Amino acid sequence: SPAPTSDAVETMPCASSLTDRARQILGSEDGLLVPGVGERIREFCAECLGIEKVNEVVELLTANFRGYHWLSHLASRWLATISSRISMVEDPIRSILRQRMIHEFSPQRADPLLMPRNGTPHIPAWLDPFIQEAEWRGVVYELAKQHRGQASSFLSAVLLQISEAENYKDELLSNTSSTSNFIVFCRTLRSELTRFFALLNADESLVAPTVADICKICSFSEYTYVYAQAVFHHLMHIRPRERHQMQKLSQALTDAAADRSGHISQLDL
């Protein structure tokens, strides 16, 4: 058969580098529990199928097995046994997990979880149960306030999924992380403006709480303030019947932003 061209050789993965990477993963603490460990074993044994390779795999996995997952489970069982209230046990454990999630979060490790498979976007099966827990949503909100969280496409996708659930609407309104993601901010603003106009048509005296919510989410930063004012002024032109109410809303936002900063001035758009 013809020998491979130089270009083809350059694009072929280096077997030795794959083996070295697989050896490093298999030799890590509790490497047996690493996701995709089966594929790493296949990579490691790809160069040679001899018994020596198999023995080395067994040695790597057993020598570095620590059983941290089992120890964690055992500790939680002990706490449940010596405590009369399970809720008191769950709080410190979840608190520790929450701290570790925030401390160890890395966009470089998290973002590949959304890589398309067979040309279609991939959402991990565990994501829905994850965001149903208030503690874990709190982790997402906390990370969204940090630069590394704002730079993560995975975290943005999680925030978007949370924003699609009606159950978490009030939670997002009370959390500044919703305004750190532009798409989530726009969805929240649109939802509140829809409620504003619905209440306006029913009874204008009922809109005060909604106005307060709109001012809260739109005065988070100079970007959300300017964008919201532009939206309000656009609505004044396309909805002339509510122009007066929109002017009042715009002024309310200016006043709310001025309470947070002394450098706010009226915008004439």
Protein backbone atom coordinates (compact mmCIF):
# COMPACT_ATOMS: atom_id res chain seq x y z
CA SER A 1 0.00 0.00 0.00
CA PRO A 2 1.24 3.57 -0.62
CA ALA A 3 3.05 5.28 2.22
CA PRO A 4 1.18 8.12 3.92
CA THR A 5 2.08 11.63 2.81
CA SER A 6 3.85 14.03 5.13
CA ASP A 7 0.64 16.04 5.57
CA ALA A 8 -1.26 12.93 6.60
CA VAL A 9 1.45 11.96 9.06
CA GLU A 10 1.34 15.41 10.65
CA THR A 11 -2.44 15.20 11.21
CA MET A 12 -2.31 11.72 12.74
CA PRO A 13 -2.44 11.71 16.58
CA CYS A 14 0.79 10.68 18.22
CA ALA A 15 0.28 7.26 19.81
CA SER A 16 2.93 7.86 22.45
CA SER A 17 1.36 11.17 23.53
CA LEU A 18 -2.04 9.50 23.81
CA THR A 19 -0.48 6.74 25.87
CA ASP A 20 1.28 9.23 28.14
CA ARG A 21 -1.94 11.17 28.65
CA ALA A 22 -3.85 7.98 29.39
CA ARG A 23 -1.15 6.84 31.84
CA GLN A 24 -1.37 10.19 33.66
CA ILE A 25 -5.16 9.95 34.01
CA LEU A 26 -5.18 6.28 35.02
CA GLY A 27 -2.44 6.95 37.55
CA SER A 28 -4.28 9.84 39.22
CA GLU A 29 -6.03 9.43 42.54
CA ASP A 30 -9.27 7.47 42.05
CA GLY A 31 -8.52 7.33 38.32
CA LEU A 32 -10.92 4.39 38.13
CA LEU A 33 -13.78 6.85 38.67
CA VAL A 34 -12.70 9.39 36.06
CA PRO A 35 -15.37 9.90 33.35
CA GLY A 36 -14.37 8.07 30.17
CA VAL A 37 -11.92 5.75 31.95
CA GLY A 38 -12.76 2.96 29.49
CA GLU A 39 -11.59 5.09 26.57
CA ARG A 40 -8.40 5.96 28.43
CA ILE A 41 -7.71 2.25 28.97
CA ARG A 42 -8.18 1.59 25.25
CA GLU A 43 -5.79 4.44 24.40
CA PHE A 44 -3.23 3.09 26.85
CA CYS A 45 -3.37 -0.44 25.42
CA ALA A 46 -3.53 0.68 21.77
CA GLU A 47 0.23 0.33 21.14
CA CYS A 48 0.47 -3.17 22.54
CA LEU A 49 -2.13 -5.71 23.56
CA GLY A 50 0.31 -7.81 25.58
CA ILE A 51 -0.30 -8.94 29.13
CA GLU A 52 2.29 -6.44 30.34
CA LYS A 53 0.08 -3.53 29.35
CA VAL A 54 -2.93 -5.10 31.04
CA ASN A 55 -0.95 -5.66 34.21
CA GLU A 56 0.26 -2.06 34.16
CA VAL A 57 -3.32 -0.79 33.85
CA VAL A 58 -4.39 -2.91 36.82
CA GLU A 59 -1.41 -1.65 38.83
CA LEU A 60 -2.12 2.01 38.00
CA LEU A 61 -5.81 1.79 38.91
CA THR A 62 -5.38 -0.21 42.12
CA ALA A 63 -2.26 1.54 43.46
CA ASN A 64 -3.90 4.96 43.26
CA PHE A 65 -7.40 4.03 44.35
CA ARG A 66 -8.33 6.07 47.42
CA GLY A 67 -12.08 5.53 47.63
CA TYR A 68 -12.88 9.14 48.43
CA HIS A 69 -16.43 8.67 47.14
CA TRP A 70 -16.94 5.76 49.54
CA LEU A 71 -15.44 7.72 52.46
CA SER A 72 -17.75 10.65 51.73
CA HIS A 73 -20.76 8.36 51.65
CA LEU A 74 -19.68 6.69 54.90
CA ALA A 75 -19.19 10.06 56.61
CA SER A 76 -22.67 11.19 55.58
CA ARG A 77 -24.15 7.94 56.94
CA TRP A 78 -22.34 8.48 60.25
CA LEU A 79 -23.65 12.02 60.51
CA ALA A 80 -27.17 10.81 59.75
CA THR A 81 -26.85 8.14 62.44
CA ILE A 82 -25.69 10.45 65.22
CA SER A 83 -28.05 13.27 64.35
CA SER A 84 -31.78 13.27 65.04
CA ARG A 85 -32.52 15.66 62.17
CA ILE A 86 -31.42 14.82 58.65
CA SER A 87 -31.80 18.44 57.50
CA MET A 88 -29.12 19.50 59.97
CA VAL A 89 -26.78 16.96 58.39
CA GLU A 90 -27.40 17.92 54.79
CA ASP A 91 -26.68 21.62 55.28
CA PRO A 92 -22.95 21.39 56.20
CA ILE A 93 -22.30 18.73 53.56
CA ARG A 94 -23.98 20.75 50.83
CA SER A 95 -22.22 23.87 52.06
CA ILE A 96 -18.84 22.19 51.65
CA LEU A 97 -19.78 20.94 48.18
CA ARG A 98 -20.96 24.42 47.23
CA GLN A 99 -17.67 25.97 48.34
CA ARG A 100 -15.66 23.41 46.39
CA MET A 101 -17.76 23.90 43.24
CA ILE A 102 -17.17 27.64 43.33
CA HIS A 103 -13.48 27.29 44.15
CA GLU A 104 -12.71 24.61 41.55
CA PHE A 105 -14.86 25.90 38.68
CA SER A 106 -12.93 26.22 35.43
CA PRO A 107 -14.42 27.37 32.09
CA GLN A 108 -11.78 25.28 30.30
CA ARG A 109 -13.13 22.12 31.93
CA ALA A 110 -16.82 23.07 31.96
CA ASP A 111 -17.33 24.46 28.45
CA PRO A 112 -16.51 21.18 26.60
CA LEU A 113 -19.54 19.62 28.31
CA LEU A 114 -21.68 21.45 25.75
CA MET A 115 -19.70 20.32 22.72
CA PRO A 116 -22.08 19.13 19.94
CA ARG A 117 -22.35 15.42 19.37
CA ASN A 118 -23.10 14.24 15.84
CA GLY A 119 -23.77 17.85 14.85
CA THR A 120 -26.41 18.52 17.53
CA PRO A 121 -25.98 20.54 20.74
CA HIS A 122 -25.42 18.38 23.78
CA ILE A 123 -26.98 19.13 27.17
CA PRO A 124 -25.80 16.84 30.00
CA ALA A 125 -28.60 14.66 31.40
CA TRP A 126 -27.75 15.73 34.96
CA LEU A 127 -28.27 19.44 34.28
CA ASP A 128 -32.07 19.51 34.82
CA PRO A 129 -31.93 17.80 38.23
CA PHE A 130 -28.97 20.03 39.11
CA ILE A 131 -30.79 23.33 38.59
CA GLN A 132 -33.84 22.09 40.45
CA GLU A 133 -31.82 22.30 43.67
CA ALA A 134 -31.72 25.77 45.23
CA GLU A 135 -28.17 25.26 46.58
CA TRP A 136 -26.78 24.46 43.14
CA ARG A 137 -28.59 27.36 41.50
CA GLY A 138 -26.91 29.50 44.14
CA VAL A 139 -23.57 28.20 42.88
CA VAL A 140 -24.50 29.29 39.35
CA TYR A 141 -25.55 32.76 40.54
CA GLU A 142 -22.36 33.21 42.53
CA LEU A 143 -20.14 32.13 39.63
CA ALA A 144 -22.04 34.41 37.25
CA LYS A 145 -20.83 37.39 39.27
CA GLN A 146 -17.21 36.39 38.75
CA HIS A 147 -15.12 37.02 35.65
CA ARG A 148 -14.38 33.32 35.05
CA GLY A 149 -18.09 32.55 35.24
CA GLN A 150 -19.00 35.35 32.84
CA ALA A 151 -16.42 33.98 30.39
CA SER A 152 -17.94 30.48 30.44
CA SER A 153 -20.33 29.41 27.67
CA PHE A 154 -21.42 26.49 29.86
CA LEU A 155 -22.47 28.79 32.71
CA SER A 156 -24.29 31.07 30.25
CA ALA A 157 -26.25 28.07 28.97
CA VAL A 158 -27.16 27.07 32.53
CA LEU A 159 -28.36 30.61 33.30
CA LEU A 160 -30.47 30.60 30.14
CA GLN A 161 -32.05 27.31 31.13
CA ILE A 162 -32.85 28.67 34.57
CA SER A 163 -34.38 31.82 33.05
CA GLU A 164 -36.75 29.70 30.94
CA ALA A 165 -38.40 28.25 34.06
CA GLU A 166 -41.27 30.34 35.41
CA ASN A 167 -40.65 28.97 38.91
CA TYR A 168 -37.33 30.81 39.17
CA LYS A 169 -38.44 34.19 37.84
CA ASP A 170 -38.64 35.87 41.26
CA GLU A 171 -35.34 34.28 42.21
CA LEU A 172 -33.64 35.79 39.17
CA LEU A 173 -35.16 39.19 39.88
CA SER A 174 -33.68 39.19 43.35
CA ASN A 175 -30.24 38.14 42.13
CA THR A 176 -27.88 40.49 40.32
CA SER A 177 -26.35 37.59 38.40
CA SER A 178 -29.31 37.66 36.02
CA THR A 179 -28.17 41.05 34.73
CA SER A 180 -24.60 39.88 34.13
CA ASN A 181 -25.79 37.78 31.17
CA PHE A 182 -27.24 39.94 28.39
CA ILE A 183 -29.69 37.35 27.04
CA VAL A 184 -30.98 36.53 30.52
CA PHE A 185 -31.27 40.26 31.28
CA CYS A 186 -33.28 40.83 28.09
CA ARG A 187 -35.60 37.93 28.90
CA THR A 188 -36.15 39.21 32.41
CA LEU A 189 -36.76 42.76 31.22
CA ARG A 190 -39.20 41.57 28.55
CA SER A 191 -41.09 39.50 31.12
CA GLU A 192 -41.38 42.44 33.49
CA LEU A 193 -42.43 44.85 30.73
CA THR A 194 -45.11 42.38 29.62
CA ARG A 195 -46.40 42.29 33.20
CA PHE A 196 -46.18 46.08 33.36
CA PHE A 197 -48.39 46.59 30.30
CA ALA A 198 -50.85 43.89 31.43
CA LEU A 199 -51.31 45.60 34.80
CA LEU A 200 -51.45 49.00 33.12
CA ASN A 201 -54.39 47.87 31.00
CA ALA A 202 -56.13 46.38 34.03
CA ASP A 203 -55.51 48.99 36.73
CA GLU A 204 -52.74 51.59 36.64
CA SER A 205 -52.60 51.67 40.45
CA LEU A 206 -51.24 48.09 40.46
CA VAL A 207 -48.03 48.76 38.51
CA ALA A 208 -45.92 50.16 41.36
CA PRO A 209 -44.35 46.79 42.42
CA THR A 210 -43.53 45.97 38.79
CA VAL A 211 -41.94 49.39 38.29
CA ALA A 212 -39.78 48.74 41.34
CA ASP A 213 -38.70 45.36 39.94
CA ILE A 214 -37.87 46.89 36.55
CA CYS A 215 -35.80 49.63 38.17
CA LYS A 216 -33.97 47.07 40.27
CA ILE A 217 -32.80 44.93 37.35
CA CYS A 218 -32.09 47.88 35.03
CA SER A 219 -29.98 49.91 37.46
CA PHE A 220 -27.48 47.09 38.01
CA SER A 221 -24.84 48.69 35.78
CA GLU A 222 -24.36 51.56 33.35
CA TYR A 223 -24.90 49.12 30.47
CA THR A 224 -28.26 47.83 31.68
CA TYR A 225 -29.32 51.39 32.53
CA VAL A 226 -28.56 52.85 29.09
CA TYR A 227 -30.02 49.85 27.25
CA ALA A 228 -33.24 49.96 29.29
CA GLN A 229 -33.65 53.70 28.73
CA ALA A 230 -33.23 53.15 24.99
CA VAL A 231 -35.93 50.47 25.09
CA PHE A 232 -38.28 52.73 27.05
CA HIS A 233 -37.83 55.63 24.63
CA HIS A 234 -38.42 53.31 21.68
CA LEU A 235 -41.64 52.09 23.31
CA MET A 236 -42.75 55.71 23.73
CA HIS A 237 -42.71 56.06 19.94
CA ILE A 238 -44.37 52.77 19.01
CA ARG A 239 -46.94 52.83 21.84
CA PRO A 240 -48.12 56.47 21.95
CA ARG A 241 -51.11 55.59 24.15
CA GLU A 242 -48.77 54.60 26.97
CA ARG A 243 -46.24 57.36 26.31
CA HIS A 244 -46.98 59.17 29.57
CA GLN A 245 -46.63 55.97 31.61
CA MET A 246 -43.36 55.12 29.85
CA GLN A 247 -42.02 58.59 30.64
CA LYS A 248 -42.86 58.00 34.29
CA LEU A 249 -41.14 54.60 34.13
CA SER A 250 -38.06 56.18 32.54
CA GLN A 251 -37.94 58.83 35.26
CA ALA A 252 -38.38 56.16 37.96
CA LEU A 253 -35.38 54.30 36.55
CA THR A 254 -33.31 57.50 36.54
CA ASP A 255 -34.23 58.14 40.17
CA ALA A 256 -33.44 54.54 41.16
CA ALA A 257 -30.07 54.66 39.40
CA ALA A 258 -29.29 58.01 41.03
CA ASP A 259 -29.84 56.41 44.44
CA ARG A 260 -27.05 53.95 43.60
CA SER A 261 -24.71 56.44 41.96
CA GLY A 262 -24.30 60.19 42.05
CA HIS A 263 -23.26 60.34 38.39
CA ILE A 264 -26.65 59.64 36.75
CA SER A 265 -28.21 62.25 34.48
CA GLN A 266 -31.41 62.35 32.46
CA LEU A 267 -31.11 60.69 29.06
CA ASP A 268 -32.76 62.35 26.06
CA LEU A 269 -32.93 59.73 23.34
